[in-house]
Amino acid sequence: MASLATPLSRSLNNLYCLLSKPQPVTPKSSAFLGISCIAFIAAVGSVFELTSGQAELGTIPTAIILALSIPLGISLFIAAIRDARASQD
């Protein structure tokens, strides 16, 4: 008899198994994730400011914030993942 499990039920089961295990969250990885979120919020705000045509801080400072916040957010997100994986071992 073929399995009656649908792809959705298998995905939900995998998600349940993933969430039921204790996850390795350290204060360091939490800080990395928090600062990464702030950097991405700054990037989104900078995009909105630049596309509005009248940036409050001016075009050049807003563009600098955008240029710095994207790589900072990505690098801190990757650092958080690496730190969590390292603490898992």
N, C-alpha and C. Protein backbone atom coordinates (compact mmCIF):
# COMPACT_ATOMS: atom_id res chain seq x y z
N MET A 1 0.84 -1.17 0.00
CA MET A 1 0.00 0.00 0.00
C MET A 1 0.89 1.24 0.00
N ALA A 2 0.57 2.18 -0.85
CA ALA A 2 1.36 3.41 -0.98
C ALA A 2 1.14 4.29 0.25
N SER A 3 2.14 5.05 0.51
CA SER A 3 2.05 5.97 1.64
C SER A 3 1.03 7.05 1.36
N LEU A 4 0.22 7.36 2.35
CA LEU A 4 -0.82 8.37 2.19
C LEU A 4 -0.33 9.76 2.57
N ALA A 5 0.94 9.85 2.98
CA ALA A 5 1.47 11.15 3.39
C ALA A 5 1.63 12.05 2.17
N THR A 6 1.12 13.22 2.29
CA THR A 6 1.26 14.20 1.21
C THR A 6 2.54 14.99 1.44
N PRO A 7 3.01 15.68 0.42
CA PRO A 7 4.20 16.51 0.63
C PRO A 7 4.01 17.55 1.73
N LEU A 8 2.80 18.07 1.87
CA LEU A 8 2.55 19.06 2.92
C LEU A 8 2.68 18.44 4.30
N SER A 9 2.12 17.24 4.48
CA SER A 9 2.20 16.62 5.80
C SER A 9 3.64 16.22 6.13
N ARG A 10 4.40 15.82 5.12
CA ARG A 10 5.82 15.51 5.36
C ARG A 10 6.57 16.78 5.74
N SER A 11 6.27 17.88 5.06
CA SER A 11 6.93 19.15 5.39
C SER A 11 6.57 19.60 6.80
N LEU A 12 5.31 19.46 7.17
CA LEU A 12 4.90 19.84 8.52
C LEU A 12 5.55 18.95 9.56
N ASN A 13 5.70 17.67 9.25
CA ASN A 13 6.36 16.75 10.17
C ASN A 13 7.82 17.12 10.32
N ASN A 14 8.49 17.46 9.21
CA ASN A 14 9.89 17.88 9.29
C ASN A 14 10.03 19.16 10.10
N LEU A 15 9.10 20.10 9.91
CA LEU A 15 9.13 21.34 10.66
C LEU A 15 8.93 21.07 12.15
N TYR A 16 8.00 20.18 12.48
CA TYR A 16 7.76 19.84 13.87
C TYR A 16 9.00 19.22 14.50
N CYS A 17 9.67 18.31 13.78
CA CYS A 17 10.88 17.68 14.29
C CYS A 17 11.98 18.71 14.49
N LEU A 18 12.08 19.67 13.58
CA LEU A 18 13.09 20.71 13.69
C LEU A 18 12.82 21.61 14.89
N LEU A 19 11.56 21.99 15.09
CA LEU A 19 11.22 22.90 16.17
C LEU A 19 11.19 22.23 17.54
N SER A 20 11.01 20.91 17.57
CA SER A 20 10.94 20.23 18.86
C SER A 20 12.31 20.00 19.47
N LYS A 21 13.38 20.09 18.66
CA LYS A 21 14.74 19.95 19.18
C LYS A 21 15.19 21.28 19.75
N PRO A 22 15.96 21.26 20.81
CA PRO A 22 16.51 22.53 21.31
C PRO A 22 17.51 23.09 20.30
N GLN A 23 17.35 24.36 19.99
CA GLN A 23 18.21 24.99 19.00
C GLN A 23 19.38 25.69 19.69
N PRO A 24 20.54 25.64 19.07
CA PRO A 24 21.73 26.24 19.69
C PRO A 24 21.78 27.75 19.49
N VAL A 25 21.12 28.47 20.37
CA VAL A 25 21.14 29.93 20.28
C VAL A 25 21.97 30.45 21.43
N THR A 26 23.05 31.09 21.07
CA THR A 26 23.93 31.67 22.09
C THR A 26 23.68 33.18 22.14
N PRO A 27 24.08 33.82 23.21
CA PRO A 27 23.93 35.28 23.25
C PRO A 27 24.67 35.98 22.12
N LYS A 28 25.80 35.41 21.73
CA LYS A 28 26.57 36.00 20.64
C LYS A 28 25.81 35.92 19.32
N SER A 29 25.22 34.76 19.01
CA SER A 29 24.47 34.64 17.76
C SER A 29 23.19 35.47 17.82
N SER A 30 22.60 35.61 18.99
CA SER A 30 21.42 36.47 19.13
C SER A 30 21.78 37.94 18.86
N ALA A 31 22.93 38.35 19.36
CA ALA A 31 23.38 39.74 19.12
C ALA A 31 23.65 39.95 17.63
N PHE A 32 24.29 38.98 17.00
CA PHE A 32 24.54 39.08 15.56
C PHE A 32 23.23 39.22 14.79
N LEU A 33 22.24 38.39 15.15
CA LEU A 33 20.95 38.46 14.45
C LEU A 33 20.24 39.78 14.70
N GLY A 34 20.30 40.28 15.92
CA GLY A 34 19.65 41.54 16.24
C GLY A 34 20.25 42.71 15.47
N ILE A 35 21.58 42.78 15.45
CA ILE A 35 22.23 43.86 14.73
C ILE A 35 22.01 43.71 13.23
N SER A 36 21.96 42.47 12.75
CA SER A 36 21.67 42.23 11.33
C SER A 36 20.28 42.74 10.97
N CYS A 37 19.31 42.51 11.83
CA CYS A 37 17.95 43.01 11.58
C CYS A 37 17.93 44.53 11.52
N ILE A 38 18.65 45.17 12.44
CA ILE A 38 18.70 46.63 12.45
C ILE A 38 19.35 47.15 11.17
N ALA A 39 20.41 46.46 10.71
CA ALA A 39 21.07 46.88 9.47
C ALA A 39 20.14 46.75 8.28
N PHE A 40 19.37 45.66 8.22
CA PHE A 40 18.45 45.49 7.10
C PHE A 40 17.29 46.50 7.17
N ILE A 41 16.84 46.84 8.36
CA ILE A 41 15.81 47.87 8.49
C ILE A 41 16.35 49.21 8.01
N ALA A 42 17.61 49.50 8.34
CA ALA A 42 18.24 50.74 7.85
C ALA A 42 18.35 50.73 6.33
N ALA A 43 18.64 49.58 5.76
CA ALA A 43 18.73 49.49 4.30
C ALA A 43 17.39 49.75 3.64
N VAL A 44 16.34 49.14 4.18
CA VAL A 44 15.00 49.35 3.61
C VAL A 44 14.57 50.80 3.76
N GLY A 45 14.84 51.38 4.92
CA GLY A 45 14.51 52.79 5.13
C GLY A 45 15.27 53.69 4.18
N SER A 46 16.53 53.36 3.93
CA SER A 46 17.32 54.16 3.00
C SER A 46 16.79 54.07 1.58
N VAL A 47 16.36 52.90 1.19
CA VAL A 47 15.77 52.75 -0.14
C VAL A 47 14.51 53.60 -0.27
N PHE A 48 13.66 53.55 0.74
CA PHE A 48 12.45 54.38 0.71
C PHE A 48 12.79 55.86 0.67
N GLU A 49 13.77 56.27 1.46
CA GLU A 49 14.17 57.68 1.47
C GLU A 49 14.71 58.12 0.11
N LEU A 50 15.54 57.28 -0.49
CA LEU A 50 16.13 57.63 -1.78
C LEU A 50 15.10 57.65 -2.90
N THR A 51 14.14 56.75 -2.85
CA THR A 51 13.12 56.72 -3.91
C THR A 51 12.05 57.78 -3.73
N SER A 52 11.98 58.36 -2.54
CA SER A 52 10.98 59.41 -2.34
C SER A 52 11.38 60.70 -3.04
N GLY A 53 12.66 60.84 -3.34
CA GLY A 53 13.11 62.03 -4.03
C GLY A 53 13.65 63.10 -3.10
N GLN A 54 13.30 63.07 -1.84
CA GLN A 54 13.73 64.09 -0.87
C GLN A 54 14.18 63.38 0.40
N ALA A 55 15.40 62.88 0.41
CA ALA A 55 15.92 62.19 1.59
C ALA A 55 16.15 63.18 2.72
N GLU A 56 15.71 62.81 3.91
CA GLU A 56 15.79 63.72 5.06
C GLU A 56 17.23 64.06 5.43
N LEU A 57 18.11 63.08 5.37
CA LEU A 57 19.52 63.32 5.70
C LEU A 57 20.33 63.81 4.51
N GLY A 58 19.72 63.82 3.35
CA GLY A 58 20.43 64.14 2.12
C GLY A 58 20.71 62.88 1.33
N THR A 59 20.96 63.04 0.07
CA THR A 59 21.15 61.88 -0.80
C THR A 59 22.44 61.13 -0.50
N ILE A 60 23.53 61.85 -0.33
CA ILE A 60 24.82 61.18 -0.13
C ILE A 60 24.89 60.44 1.21
N PRO A 61 24.50 61.04 2.34
CA PRO A 61 24.54 60.26 3.59
C PRO A 61 23.59 59.06 3.57
N THR A 62 22.43 59.21 2.95
CA THR A 62 21.49 58.09 2.87
C THR A 62 22.05 56.98 1.99
N ALA A 63 22.70 57.34 0.90
CA ALA A 63 23.32 56.34 0.03
C ALA A 63 24.46 55.63 0.75
N ILE A 64 25.20 56.36 1.57
CA ILE A 64 26.28 55.74 2.35
C ILE A 64 25.71 54.75 3.37
N ILE A 65 24.63 55.14 4.02
CA ILE A 65 23.97 54.23 4.98
C ILE A 65 23.50 52.97 4.26
N LEU A 66 22.92 53.14 3.09
CA LEU A 66 22.47 51.98 2.30
C LEU A 66 23.65 51.10 1.90
N ALA A 67 24.72 51.72 1.42
CA ALA A 67 25.88 50.96 0.96
C ALA A 67 26.56 50.21 2.10
N LEU A 68 26.51 50.73 3.30
CA LEU A 68 27.15 50.06 4.44
C LEU A 68 26.24 49.04 5.12
N SER A 69 24.94 49.31 5.12
CA SER A 69 24.04 48.45 5.89
C SER A 69 23.79 47.11 5.21
N ILE A 70 23.80 47.04 3.90
CA ILE A 70 23.54 45.76 3.22
C ILE A 70 24.67 44.76 3.48
N PRO A 71 25.94 45.10 3.21
CA PRO A 71 26.98 44.10 3.51
C PRO A 71 27.10 43.79 5.00
N LEU A 72 26.86 44.80 5.85
CA LEU A 72 26.90 44.56 7.29
C LEU A 72 25.82 43.56 7.70
N GLY A 73 24.60 43.75 7.20
CA GLY A 73 23.51 42.84 7.54
C GLY A 73 23.77 41.43 7.07
N ILE A 74 24.28 41.29 5.85
CA ILE A 74 24.56 39.96 5.30
C ILE A 74 25.67 39.28 6.09
N SER A 75 26.75 40.02 6.36
CA SER A 75 27.88 39.40 7.06
C SER A 75 27.50 39.01 8.50
N LEU A 76 26.71 39.84 9.18
CA LEU A 76 26.29 39.49 10.54
C LEU A 76 25.31 38.32 10.56
N PHE A 77 24.45 38.22 9.54
CA PHE A 77 23.54 37.09 9.45
C PHE A 77 24.34 35.79 9.26
N ILE A 78 25.33 35.83 8.39
CA ILE A 78 26.17 34.65 8.16
C ILE A 78 26.96 34.31 9.43
N ALA A 79 27.46 35.34 10.12
CA ALA A 79 28.19 35.10 11.37
C ALA A 79 27.30 34.45 12.42
N ALA A 80 26.03 34.86 12.48
CA ALA A 80 25.10 34.26 13.44
C ALA A 80 24.88 32.79 13.13
N ILE A 81 24.74 32.47 11.85
CA ILE A 81 24.54 31.07 11.46
C ILE A 81 25.77 30.25 11.80
N ARG A 82 26.94 30.78 11.49
CA ARG A 82 28.19 30.05 11.79
C ARG A 82 28.37 29.84 13.29
N ASP A 83 28.05 30.86 14.08
CA ASP A 83 28.19 30.74 15.53
C ASP A 83 27.22 29.71 16.09
N ALA A 84 26.00 29.69 15.57
CA ALA A 84 25.02 28.71 16.04
C ALA A 84 25.45 27.29 15.66
N ARG A 85 25.95 27.13 14.46
CA ARG A 85 26.42 25.80 14.05
C ARG A 85 27.64 25.37 14.85
N ALA A 86 28.53 26.30 15.15
CA ALA A 86 29.72 25.95 15.93
C ALA A 86 29.36 25.54 17.36
N SER A 87 28.34 26.17 17.94
CA SER A 87 27.95 25.83 19.30
C SER A 87 27.17 24.52 19.34
N GLN A 88 26.67 24.10 18.19
CA GLN A 88 25.92 22.84 18.13
C GLN A 88 26.85 21.64 18.23
N ASP A 89 28.08 21.79 17.74
CA ASP A 89 29.02 20.67 17.75
C ASP A 89 29.62 20.40 19.09
